[in-house]
Amino acid sequence: MTRFVVDLGDIALSKEAQAAISADIQKVALSHIANLHYEKPFVMRFPRDWWGFILRQDFEALLHGEQALGRGLLQTAGHM
């Protein structure tokens, strides 16, 4: 599974700076994916609880990916 993560830890950022960084990362990633010209469409989700997006080839895989990432993010944050 391909996964890219940017973790800025405890760096103090304004809400505006967080939104700008997130938008730029999403724009770059989505533009590269669009240029790959896959024949089959993808499904995408922008989770509420964290910046970024999840991209999978079908809806069921998207749900499983979101659950797996959610568990991993919660464990990383110390919320088991």
PDB file of N, CA and C in Angstrom:
ATOM      1  N   MET A   1       0.845  -1.177   0.000  1.00  0.00           N
ATOM      2  CA  MET A   1       0.000   0.000   0.000  1.00  0.00           C
ATOM      3  C   MET A   1       0.887   1.235   0.000  1.00  0.00           C
ATOM      4  N   THR A   2       0.560   2.158  -0.844  1.00  0.00           N
ATOM      5  CA  THR A   2       1.294   3.422  -0.891  1.00  0.00           C
ATOM      6  C   THR A   2       0.659   4.387   0.085  1.00  0.00           C
ATOM      7  N   ARG A   3       1.489   4.973   0.943  1.00  0.00           N
ATOM      8  CA  ARG A   3       0.974   5.936   1.915  1.00  0.00           C
ATOM      9  C   ARG A   3       2.005   7.040   2.090  1.00  0.00           C
ATOM     10  N   PHE A   4       1.545   8.282   2.031  1.00  0.00           N
ATOM     11  CA  PHE A   4       2.398   9.435   2.272  1.00  0.00           C
ATOM     12  C   PHE A   4       1.832  10.180   3.465  1.00  0.00           C
ATOM     13  N   VAL A   5       2.677  10.529   4.395  1.00  0.00           N
ATOM     14  CA  VAL A   5       2.231  11.228   5.600  1.00  0.00           C
ATOM     15  C   VAL A   5       3.143  12.421   5.850  1.00  0.00           C
ATOM     16  N   VAL A   6       2.527  13.533   6.200  1.00  0.00           N
ATOM     17  CA  VAL A   6       3.277  14.704   6.634  1.00  0.00           C
ATOM     18  C   VAL A   6       2.810  14.988   8.055  1.00  0.00           C
ATOM     19  N   ASP A   7       3.706  14.895   9.013  1.00  0.00           N
ATOM     20  CA  ASP A   7       3.365  15.123  10.417  1.00  0.00           C
ATOM     21  C   ASP A   7       4.196  16.299  10.912  1.00  0.00           C
ATOM     22  N   LEU A   8       3.539  17.403  11.188  1.00  0.00           N
ATOM     23  CA  LEU A   8       4.250  18.593  11.639  1.00  0.00           C
ATOM     24  C   LEU A   8       4.312  18.685  13.160  1.00  0.00           C
ATOM     25  N   GLY A   9       3.876  17.622  13.821  1.00  0.00           N
ATOM     26  CA  GLY A   9       4.016  17.538  15.275  1.00  0.00           C
ATOM     27  C   GLY A   9       3.399  18.707  16.005  1.00  0.00           C
ATOM     28  N   ASP A  10       4.191  19.308  16.885  1.00  0.00           N
ATOM     29  CA  ASP A  10       3.695  20.379  17.748  1.00  0.00           C
ATOM     30  C   ASP A  10       4.004  21.773  17.222  1.00  0.00           C
ATOM     31  N   ILE A  11       4.289  21.890  15.945  1.00  0.00           N
ATOM     32  CA  ILE A  11       4.567  23.214  15.376  1.00  0.00           C
ATOM     33  C   ILE A  11       3.287  24.043  15.428  1.00  0.00           C
ATOM     34  N   ALA A  12       3.370  25.190  16.031  1.00  0.00           N
ATOM     35  CA  ALA A  12       2.197  26.067  16.150  1.00  0.00           C
ATOM     36  C   ALA A  12       1.893  26.692  14.789  1.00  0.00           C
ATOM     37  N   LEU A  13       0.705  26.407  14.280  1.00  0.00           N
ATOM     38  CA  LEU A  13       0.267  26.963  13.004  1.00  0.00           C
ATOM     39  C   LEU A  13      -1.137  27.531  13.170  1.00  0.00           C
ATOM     40  N   SER A  14      -1.384  28.650  12.550  1.00  0.00           N
ATOM     41  CA  SER A  14      -2.735  29.204  12.566  1.00  0.00           C
ATOM     42  C   SER A  14      -3.653  28.309  11.737  1.00  0.00           C
ATOM     43  N   LYS A  15      -4.946  28.474  11.937  1.00  0.00           N
ATOM     44  CA  LYS A  15      -5.923  27.709  11.140  1.00  0.00           C
ATOM     45  C   LYS A  15      -5.734  28.003   9.654  1.00  0.00           C
ATOM     46  N   GLU A  16      -5.406  29.231   9.329  1.00  0.00           N
ATOM     47  CA  GLU A  16      -5.205  29.619   7.934  1.00  0.00           C
ATOM     48  C   GLU A  16      -3.983  28.912   7.345  1.00  0.00           C
ATOM     49  N   ALA A  17      -2.899  28.851   8.115  1.00  0.00           N
ATOM     50  CA  ALA A  17      -1.682  28.176   7.650  1.00  0.00           C
ATOM     51  C   ALA A  17      -1.940  26.677   7.484  1.00  0.00           C
ATOM     52  N   GLN A  18      -2.662  26.070   8.421  1.00  0.00           N
ATOM     53  CA  GLN A  18      -3.000  24.651   8.310  1.00  0.00           C
ATOM     54  C   GLN A  18      -3.801  24.382   7.041  1.00  0.00           C
ATOM     55  N   ALA A  19      -4.796  25.213   6.785  1.00  0.00           N
ATOM     56  CA  ALA A  19      -5.639  25.040   5.600  1.00  0.00           C
ATOM     57  C   ALA A  19      -4.828  25.228   4.321  1.00  0.00           C
ATOM     58  N   ALA A  20      -3.925  26.206   4.301  1.00  0.00           N
ATOM     59  CA  ALA A  20      -3.115  26.469   3.107  1.00  0.00           C
ATOM     60  C   ALA A  20      -2.172  25.304   2.820  1.00  0.00           C
ATOM     61  N   ILE A  21      -1.508  24.785   3.846  1.00  0.00           N
ATOM     62  CA  ILE A  21      -0.603  23.645   3.665  1.00  0.00           C
ATOM     63  C   ILE A  21      -1.383  22.432   3.180  1.00  0.00           C
ATOM     64  N   SER A  22      -2.521  22.163   3.808  1.00  0.00           N
ATOM     65  CA  SER A  22      -3.343  21.029   3.394  1.00  0.00           C
ATOM     66  C   SER A  22      -3.779  21.156   1.934  1.00  0.00           C
ATOM     67  N   ALA A  23      -4.242  22.335   1.557  1.00  0.00           N
ATOM     68  CA  ALA A  23      -4.703  22.556   0.180  1.00  0.00           C
ATOM     69  C   ALA A  23      -3.570  22.353  -0.813  1.00  0.00           C
ATOM     70  N   ASP A  24      -2.384  22.839  -0.489  1.00  0.00           N
ATOM     71  CA  ASP A  24      -1.242  22.680  -1.402  1.00  0.00           C
ATOM     72  C   ASP A  24      -0.838  21.216  -1.554  1.00  0.00           C
ATOM     73  N   ILE A  25      -0.793  20.492  -0.441  1.00  0.00           N
ATOM     74  CA  ILE A  25      -0.432  19.068  -0.503  1.00  0.00           C
ATOM     75  C   ILE A  25      -1.465  18.303  -1.320  1.00  0.00           C
ATOM     76  N   GLN A  26      -2.752  18.566  -1.067  1.00  0.00           N
ATOM     77  CA  GLN A  26      -3.811  17.893  -1.818  1.00  0.00           C
ATOM     78  C   GLN A  26      -3.716  18.217  -3.301  1.00  0.00           C
ATOM     79  N   LYS A  27      -3.478  19.478  -3.617  1.00  0.00           N
ATOM     80  CA  LYS A  27      -3.402  19.900  -5.023  1.00  0.00           C
ATOM     81  C   LYS A  27      -2.271  19.177  -5.755  1.00  0.00           C
ATOM     82  N   VAL A  28      -1.110  19.102  -5.145  1.00  0.00           N
ATOM     83  CA  VAL A  28       0.029  18.437  -5.775  1.00  0.00           C
ATOM     84  C   VAL A  28      -0.251  16.947  -5.948  1.00  0.00           C
ATOM     85  N   ALA A  29      -0.714  16.290  -4.900  1.00  0.00           N
ATOM     86  CA  ALA A  29      -0.969  14.849  -4.973  1.00  0.00           C
ATOM     87  C   ALA A  29      -2.039  14.529  -6.015  1.00  0.00           C
ATOM     88  N   LEU A  30      -3.152  15.260  -5.989  1.00  0.00           N
ATOM     89  CA  LEU A  30      -4.232  14.994  -6.935  1.00  0.00           C
ATOM     90  C   LEU A  30      -3.826  15.293  -8.370  1.00  0.00           C
ATOM     91  N   SER A  31      -3.012  16.303  -8.567  1.00  0.00           N
ATOM     92  CA  SER A  31      -2.572  16.612  -9.924  1.00  0.00           C
ATOM     93  C   SER A  31      -1.676  15.509 -10.480  1.00  0.00           C
ATOM     94  N   HIS A  32      -0.811  14.945  -9.652  1.00  0.00           N
ATOM     95  CA  HIS A  32       0.028  13.832 -10.104  1.00  0.00           C
ATOM     96  C   HIS A  32      -0.822  12.597 -10.398  1.00  0.00           C
ATOM     97  N   ILE A  33      -1.798  12.322  -9.559  1.00  0.00           N
ATOM     98  CA  ILE A  33      -2.679  11.174  -9.785  1.00  0.00           C
ATOM     99  C   ILE A  33      -3.463  11.362 -11.078  1.00  0.00           C
ATOM    100  N   ALA A  34      -3.971  12.559 -11.319  1.00  0.00           N
ATOM    101  CA  ALA A  34      -4.725  12.832 -12.553  1.00  0.00           C
ATOM    102  C   ALA A  34      -3.861  12.618 -13.790  1.00  0.00           C
ATOM    103  N   ASN A  35      -2.591  12.939 -13.704  1.00  0.00           N
ATOM    104  CA  ASN A  35      -1.686  12.786 -14.848  1.00  0.00           C
ATOM    105  C   ASN A  35      -1.290  11.342 -15.130  1.00  0.00           C
ATOM    106  N   LEU A  36      -1.650  10.422 -14.236  1.00  0.00           N
ATOM    107  CA  LEU A  36      -1.355   9.002 -14.470  1.00  0.00           C
ATOM    108  C   LEU A  36      -2.343   8.375 -15.451  1.00  0.00           C
ATOM    109  N   HIS A  37      -3.468   9.017 -15.675  1.00  0.00           N
ATOM    110  CA  HIS A  37      -4.463   8.605 -16.678  1.00  0.00           C
ATOM    111  C   HIS A  37      -4.915   7.157 -16.508  1.00  0.00           C
ATOM    112  N   TYR A  38      -5.371   6.822 -15.309  1.00  0.00           N
ATOM    113  CA  TYR A  38      -5.938   5.490 -15.085  1.00  0.00           C
ATOM    114  C   TYR A  38      -7.244   5.354 -15.840  1.00  0.00           C
ATOM    115  N   GLU A  39      -7.519   4.159 -16.320  1.00  0.00           N
ATOM    116  CA  GLU A  39      -8.762   3.929 -17.065  1.00  0.00           C
ATOM    117  C   GLU A  39      -9.966   3.864 -16.132  1.00  0.00           C
ATOM    118  N   LYS A  40      -9.794   3.248 -14.965  1.00  0.00           N
ATOM    119  CA  LYS A  40     -10.896   3.086 -14.030  1.00  0.00           C
ATOM    120  C   LYS A  40     -10.909   4.267 -13.047  1.00  0.00           C
ATOM    121  N   PRO A  41     -12.094   4.830 -12.761  1.00  0.00           N
ATOM    122  CA  PRO A  41     -12.159   5.955 -11.814  1.00  0.00           C
ATOM    123  C   PRO A  41     -11.869   5.507 -10.375  1.00  0.00           C
ATOM    124  N   PHE A  42     -11.557   6.469  -9.542  1.00  0.00           N
ATOM    125  CA  PHE A  42     -11.287   6.221  -8.130  1.00  0.00           C
ATOM    126  C   PHE A  42     -12.389   6.824  -7.285  1.00  0.00           C
ATOM    127  N   VAL A  43     -12.464   6.386  -6.029  1.00  0.00           N
ATOM    128  CA  VAL A  43     -13.325   7.036  -5.044  1.00  0.00           C
ATOM    129  C   VAL A  43     -12.412   7.749  -4.051  1.00  0.00           C
ATOM    130  N   MET A  44     -12.899   8.868  -3.526  1.00  0.00           N
ATOM    131  CA  MET A  44     -12.063   9.692  -2.667  1.00  0.00           C
ATOM    132  C   MET A  44     -12.872  10.180  -1.481  1.00  0.00           C
ATOM    133  N   ARG A  45     -12.159  10.354  -0.385  1.00  0.00           N
ATOM    134  CA  ARG A  45     -12.792  10.904   0.819  1.00  0.00           C
ATOM    135  C   ARG A  45     -11.818  11.860   1.490  1.00  0.00           C
ATOM    136  N   PHE A  46     -12.352  12.995   1.943  1.00  0.00           N
ATOM    137  CA  PHE A  46     -11.593  13.962   2.714  1.00  0.00           C
ATOM    138  C   PHE A  46     -12.094  13.866   4.161  1.00  0.00           C
ATOM    139  N   PRO A  47     -11.397  13.127   5.025  1.00  0.00           N
ATOM    140  CA  PRO A  47     -11.877  12.931   6.406  1.00  0.00           C
ATOM    141  C   PRO A  47     -11.972  14.247   7.180  1.00  0.00           C
ATOM    142  N   ARG A  48     -12.920  14.316   8.095  1.00  0.00           N
ATOM    143  CA  ARG A  48     -13.115  15.518   8.907  1.00  0.00           C
ATOM    144  C   ARG A  48     -12.057  15.673   9.991  1.00  0.00           C
ATOM    145  N   ASP A  49     -11.609  14.551  10.521  1.00  0.00           N
ATOM    146  CA  ASP A  49     -10.778  14.592  11.724  1.00  0.00           C
ATOM    147  C   ASP A  49      -9.311  14.894  11.472  1.00  0.00           C
ATOM    148  N   TRP A  50      -8.891  14.884  10.221  1.00  0.00           N
ATOM    149  CA  TRP A  50      -7.489  15.166   9.925  1.00  0.00           C
ATOM    150  C   TRP A  50      -7.363  15.681   8.501  1.00  0.00           C
ATOM    151  N   TRP A  51      -6.247  16.363   8.240  1.00  0.00           N
ATOM    152  CA  TRP A  51      -5.986  16.932   6.919  1.00  0.00           C
ATOM    153  C   TRP A  51      -5.550  15.822   5.972  1.00  0.00           C
ATOM    154  N   GLY A  52      -5.922  15.918   4.726  1.00  0.00           N
ATOM    155  CA  GLY A  52      -5.497  14.951   3.728  1.00  0.00           C
ATOM    156  C   GLY A  52      -6.683  14.338   3.010  1.00  0.00           C
ATOM    157  N   PHE A  53      -6.447  13.218   2.358  1.00  0.00           N
ATOM    158  CA  PHE A  53      -7.526  12.511   1.679  1.00  0.00           C
ATOM    159  C   PHE A  53      -7.166  11.041   1.550  1.00  0.00           C
ATOM    160  N   ILE A  54      -8.181  10.238   1.298  1.00  0.00           N
ATOM    161  CA  ILE A  54      -8.008   8.800   1.073  1.00  0.00           C
ATOM    162  C   ILE A  54      -8.514   8.528  -0.334  1.00  0.00           C
ATOM    163  N   LEU A  55      -7.747   7.788  -1.099  1.00  0.00           N
ATOM    164  CA  LEU A  55      -8.098   7.469  -2.482  1.00  0.00           C
ATOM    165  C   LEU A  55      -8.013   5.955  -2.653  1.00  0.00           C
ATOM    166  N   ARG A  56      -9.066   5.342  -3.160  1.00  0.00           N
ATOM    167  CA  ARG A  56      -9.089   3.906  -3.407  1.00  0.00           C
ATOM    168  C   ARG A  56      -9.821   3.637  -4.717  1.00  0.00           C
ATOM    169  N   GLN A  57      -9.725   2.394  -5.187  1.00  0.00           N
ATOM    170  CA  GLN A  57     -10.362   2.057  -6.458  1.00  0.00           C
ATOM    171  C   GLN A  57     -11.827   1.683  -6.319  1.00  0.00           C
ATOM    172  N   ASP A  58     -12.304   1.408  -5.111  1.00  0.00           N
ATOM    173  CA  ASP A  58     -13.733   1.153  -4.936  1.00  0.00           C
ATOM    174  C   ASP A  58     -14.159   1.604  -3.539  1.00  0.00           C
ATOM    175  N   PHE A  59     -15.468   1.725  -3.346  1.00  0.00           N
ATOM    176  CA  PHE A  59     -16.010   2.285  -2.120  1.00  0.00           C
ATOM    177  C   PHE A  59     -15.692   1.421  -0.899  1.00  0.00           C
ATOM    178  N   GLU A  60     -15.783   0.109  -1.034  1.00  0.00           N
ATOM    179  CA  GLU A  60     -15.499  -0.783   0.101  1.00  0.00           C
ATOM    180  C   GLU A  60     -14.045  -0.636   0.558  1.00  0.00           C
ATOM    181  N   ALA A  61     -13.131  -0.580  -0.383  1.00  0.00           N
ATOM    182  CA  ALA A  61     -11.715  -0.389  -0.042  1.00  0.00           C
ATOM    183  C   ALA A  61     -11.504   0.969   0.616  1.00  0.00           C
ATOM    184  N   LEU A  62     -12.264   1.971   0.195  1.00  0.00           N
ATOM    185  CA  LEU A  62     -12.173   3.297   0.797  1.00  0.00           C
ATOM    186  C   LEU A  62     -12.576   3.239   2.269  1.00  0.00           C
ATOM    187  N   LEU A  63     -13.675   2.561   2.565  1.00  0.00           N
ATOM    188  CA  LEU A  63     -14.122   2.439   3.954  1.00  0.00           C
ATOM    189  C   LEU A  63     -13.095   1.697   4.808  1.00  0.00           C
ATOM    190  N   HIS A  64     -12.547   0.620   4.278  1.00  0.00           N
ATOM    191  CA  HIS A  64     -11.531  -0.148   5.016  1.00  0.00           C
ATOM    192  C   HIS A  64     -10.278   0.704   5.229  1.00  0.00           C
ATOM    193  N   GLY A  65      -9.879   1.444   4.216  1.00  0.00           N
ATOM    194  CA  GLY A  65      -8.716   2.311   4.338  1.00  0.00           C
ATOM    195  C   GLY A  65      -8.916   3.392   5.377  1.00  0.00           C
ATOM    196  N   GLU A  66     -10.107   3.972   5.389  1.00  0.00           N
ATOM    197  CA  GLU A  66     -10.389   5.023   6.369  1.00  0.00           C
ATOM    198  C   GLU A  66     -10.374   4.461   7.788  1.00  0.00           C
ATOM    199  N   GLN A  67     -10.936   3.280   7.979  1.00  0.00           N
ATOM    200  CA  GLN A  67     -10.924   2.653   9.300  1.00  0.00           C
ATOM    201  C   GLN A  67      -9.496   2.345   9.750  1.00  0.00           C
ATOM    202  N   ALA A  68      -8.691   1.794   8.855  1.00  0.00           N
ATOM    203  CA  ALA A  68      -7.310   1.447   9.194  1.00  0.00           C
ATOM    204  C   ALA A  68      -6.502   2.700   9.526  1.00  0.00           C
ATOM    205  N   LEU A  69      -6.652   3.741   8.724  1.00  0.00           N
ATOM    206  CA  LEU A  69      -5.935   4.982   8.986  1.00  0.00           C
ATOM    207  C   LEU A  69      -6.402   5.624  10.290  1.00  0.00           C
ATOM    208  N   GLY A  70      -7.701   5.566  10.545  1.00  0.00           N
ATOM    209  CA  GLY A  70      -8.238   6.121  11.788  1.00  0.00           C
ATOM    210  C   GLY A  70      -7.656   5.442  13.010  1.00  0.00           C
ATOM    211  N   ARG A  71      -7.579   4.127  12.960  1.00  0.00           N
ATOM    212  CA  ARG A  71      -6.976   3.397  14.085  1.00  0.00           C
ATOM    213  C   ARG A  71      -5.516   3.782  14.252  1.00  0.00           C
ATOM    214  N   GLY A  72      -4.787   3.862  13.147  1.00  0.00           N
ATOM    215  CA  GLY A  72      -3.375   4.220  13.221  1.00  0.00           C
ATOM    216  C   GLY A  72      -3.147   5.622  13.717  1.00  0.00           C
ATOM    217  N   LEU A  73      -3.994   6.572  13.277  1.00  0.00           N
ATOM    218  CA  LEU A  73      -3.846   7.954  13.713  1.00  0.00           C
ATOM    219  C   LEU A  73      -4.178   8.101  15.185  1.00  0.00           C
ATOM    220  N   LEU A  74      -5.207   7.383  15.642  1.00  0.00           N
ATOM    221  CA  LEU A  74      -5.553   7.460  17.048  1.00  0.00           C
ATOM    222  C   LEU A  74      -4.456   6.871  17.927  1.00  0.00           C
ATOM    223  N   GLN A  75      -3.862   5.768  17.479  1.00  0.00           N
ATOM    224  CA  GLN A  75      -2.769   5.162  18.240  1.00  0.00           C
ATOM    225  C   GLN A  75      -1.568   6.094  18.279  1.00  0.00           C
ATOM    226  N   THR A  76      -1.273   6.735  17.166  1.00  0.00           N
ATOM    227  CA  THR A  76      -0.148   7.667  17.110  1.00  0.00           C
ATOM    228  C   THR A  76      -0.369   8.826  18.073  1.00  0.00           C
ATOM    229  N   ALA A  77      -1.617   9.280  18.172  1.00  0.00           N
ATOM    230  CA  ALA A  77      -1.923  10.409  19.040  1.00  0.00           C
ATOM    231  C   ALA A  77      -2.021   9.992  20.503  1.00  0.00           C
ATOM    232  N   GLY A  78      -1.902   8.698  20.787  1.00  0.00           N
ATOM    233  CA  GLY A  78      -1.955   8.226  22.157  1.00  0.00           C
ATOM    234  C   GLY A  78      -3.353   7.939  22.670  1.00  0.00           C
ATOM    235  N   HIS A  79      -4.333   7.832  21.764  1.00  0.00           N
ATOM    236  CA  HIS A  79      -5.720   7.532  22.146  1.00  0.00           C
ATOM    237  C   HIS A  79      -6.069   6.114  21.758  1.00  0.00           C
ATOM    238  N   MET A  80      -5.777   5.152  22.506  1.00  0.00           N
ATOM    239  CA  MET A  80      -6.082   3.769  22.099  1.00  0.00           C
ATOM    240  C   MET A  80      -7.456   3.440  22.443  1.00  0.00           C
TER     241      MET A  80
END
